């Protein structure tokens, strides 16, 4: 899954370089960071409609809402009003399952063209082919 997510992140970045980034190091990021490492083993993400510790709801959005909403727009208190207004935006998701074959092929193509693996989260063992886990600004100049 992580390889598929990394391939997707890199492809979005290629198509929209001013908008999206797959750069792991914060000092290299701009725009929206597509966090492929959320798909590494033992990682968890907030599911749709889950309540976070902040009291805010992890709310699915319609595309037209993306530019105008903030997380604070979805407090647990009163979220039932939004649900009543827009319905279940996740309805039908389980009937629309996809396949990862295309993304895994894209990962292989990216690797063959010289793209190495990207850094893993710091608490993971070093992976074969993984680049250095050190911020670019802190690497020794050789």
Protein backbone atom coordinates (compact mmCIF):
# COMPACT_ATOMS: atom_id res chain seq x y z
CA UNK A 1 0.00 0.00 0.00
CA UNK A 2 2.81 2.42 0.84
CA UNK A 3 4.41 1.93 -2.58
CA UNK A 4 1.08 2.67 -4.26
CA UNK A 5 0.63 5.78 -2.12
CA UNK A 6 4.17 6.96 -2.90
CA UNK A 7 3.61 6.47 -6.63
CA UNK A 8 0.36 8.43 -6.42
CA UNK A 9 1.99 11.23 -4.41
CA UNK A 10 4.81 11.56 -6.95
CA UNK A 11 2.40 11.55 -9.88
CA UNK A 12 0.19 14.24 -8.33
CA UNK A 13 3.34 16.27 -7.65
CA UNK A 14 4.48 15.80 -11.27
CA UNK A 15 1.12 16.96 -12.62
CA UNK A 16 0.67 19.84 -10.16
CA UNK A 17 4.15 20.88 -8.96
CA UNK A 18 3.02 24.25 -7.59
CA UNK A 19 0.16 22.69 -5.62
CA UNK A 20 1.38 19.35 -4.24
CA UNK A 21 4.54 17.81 -2.84
CA UNK A 22 5.78 14.39 -1.83
CA UNK A 23 8.90 15.82 -0.14
CA UNK A 24 9.32 14.13 3.23
CA UNK A 25 11.47 16.84 4.81
CA UNK A 26 9.51 19.89 5.95
CA UNK A 27 12.23 22.24 4.74
CA UNK A 28 11.63 21.00 1.18
CA UNK A 29 7.82 21.12 1.25
CA UNK A 30 5.43 23.54 -0.35
CA UNK A 31 1.71 23.35 -0.99
CA UNK A 32 -0.16 20.21 0.06
CA UNK A 33 2.00 17.38 1.40
CA UNK A 34 0.75 13.97 0.30
CA UNK A 35 1.83 11.79 3.20
CA UNK A 36 2.53 8.38 1.69
CA UNK A 37 3.95 7.18 5.01
CA UNK A 38 0.47 7.12 6.52
CA UNK A 39 0.24 3.87 4.54
CA UNK A 40 3.27 2.25 6.16
CA UNK A 41 2.56 -0.71 8.40
CA UNK A 42 1.32 0.00 11.93
CA UNK A 43 0.12 3.51 11.01
CA UNK A 44 -3.37 4.69 11.74
CA UNK A 45 -5.44 7.48 10.23
CA UNK A 46 -8.68 9.08 11.33
CA UNK A 47 -11.60 7.47 9.59
CA UNK A 48 -14.47 9.50 8.21
CA UNK A 49 -16.79 10.82 10.92
CA UNK A 50 -14.41 9.98 13.75
CA UNK A 51 -14.12 12.53 16.54
CA UNK A 52 -10.61 13.72 17.28
CA UNK A 53 -9.27 14.70 20.69
CA UNK A 54 -9.89 18.32 19.75
CA UNK A 55 -13.64 17.66 19.58
CA UNK A 56 -13.59 18.18 15.81
CA UNK A 57 -15.04 15.62 13.43
CA UNK A 58 -13.03 14.13 10.57
CA UNK A 59 -15.55 15.18 7.95
CA UNK A 60 -15.61 14.03 4.33
CA UNK A 61 -15.89 16.95 1.93
CA UNK A 62 -17.35 17.60 -1.49
CA UNK A 63 -14.71 18.84 -3.95
CA UNK A 64 -16.27 22.30 -4.16
CA UNK A 65 -15.89 22.68 -0.38
CA UNK A 66 -12.14 22.07 -0.27
CA UNK A 67 -11.01 25.68 -0.91
CA UNK A 68 -13.34 27.24 1.64
CA UNK A 69 -13.57 25.05 4.74
CA UNK A 70 -11.36 24.74 7.82
CA UNK A 71 -11.21 21.88 10.34
CA UNK A 72 -12.84 24.18 12.91
CA UNK A 73 -15.97 24.19 10.74
CA UNK A 74 -16.76 20.66 11.96
CA UNK A 75 -17.14 20.57 15.74
CA UNK A 76 -18.78 17.52 17.26
CA UNK A 77 -21.47 19.73 18.78
CA UNK A 78 -23.77 20.50 15.89
CA UNK A 79 -22.23 18.08 13.40
CA UNK A 80 -25.58 16.34 13.07
CA UNK A 81 -26.81 19.48 11.26
CA UNK A 82 -24.12 19.11 8.60
CA UNK A 83 -24.85 15.41 8.24
CA UNK A 84 -28.54 16.19 7.78
CA UNK A 85 -27.68 18.83 5.15
CA UNK A 86 -25.20 16.87 3.01
CA UNK A 87 -25.99 13.27 3.87
CA UNK A 88 -23.42 10.50 4.12
CA UNK A 89 -20.65 11.49 1.71
CA UNK A 90 -19.06 8.07 2.22
CA UNK A 91 -22.16 6.19 1.09
CA UNK A 92 -21.34 3.65 -1.59
CA UNK A 93 -17.60 3.72 -0.90
CA UNK A 94 -17.43 -0.01 -0.15
CA UNK A 95 -19.18 -0.82 -3.42
CA UNK A 96 -16.61 1.19 -5.39
CA UNK A 97 -13.47 -0.75 -4.46
CA UNK A 98 -10.55 -0.25 -6.78
CA UNK A 99 -7.32 -2.02 -7.51
CA UNK A 100 -3.74 -0.97 -6.84
CA UNK A 101 -2.21 -2.69 -9.88
CA UNK A 102 -1.85 0.53 -11.89
CA UNK A 103 -0.20 2.38 -9.03
CA UNK A 104 2.17 -0.49 -8.32
CA UNK A 105 3.14 -0.55 -12.00
CA UNK A 106 3.68 3.22 -11.82
CA UNK A 107 5.93 2.71 -8.76
CA UNK A 108 8.00 0.18 -10.73
CA UNK A 109 8.25 2.62 -13.69
CA UNK A 110 9.35 5.40 -11.34
CA UNK A 111 11.98 3.11 -9.80
CA UNK A 112 13.26 2.08 -13.23
CA UNK A 113 13.61 5.74 -14.19
CA UNK A 114 15.84 6.35 -11.16
CA UNK A 115 13.44 7.32 -8.38
CA UNK A 116 14.63 5.66 -5.19
CA UNK A 117 12.43 4.82 -2.26
CA UNK A 118 11.47 7.74 -0.05
CA UNK A 119 12.31 8.07 3.66
CA UNK A 120 10.29 5.94 6.04
CA UNK A 121 9.01 7.18 9.42
CA UNK A 122 11.89 7.54 11.90
CA UNK A 123 10.85 4.68 14.21
CA UNK A 124 10.99 2.10 11.37
CA UNK A 125 14.11 0.02 10.71
CA UNK A 126 16.18 1.33 7.80
CA UNK A 127 14.75 -0.14 4.59
CA UNK A 128 16.74 -1.44 1.60
CA UNK A 129 17.18 1.32 -0.98
CA UNK A 130 15.96 4.02 1.38
CA UNK A 131 17.71 7.39 1.10
CA UNK A 132 19.39 8.98 4.15
CA UNK A 133 17.10 9.83 7.05
CA UNK A 134 18.66 13.19 7.64
CA UNK A 135 17.34 16.60 6.72
CA UNK A 136 19.04 17.86 3.57
CA UNK A 137 20.26 21.00 5.38
CA UNK A 138 22.06 18.83 8.00
CA UNK A 139 23.81 16.44 5.61
CA UNK A 140 27.57 16.80 5.36
CA UNK A 141 28.85 18.32 2.18
CA UNK A 142 31.29 15.93 0.50
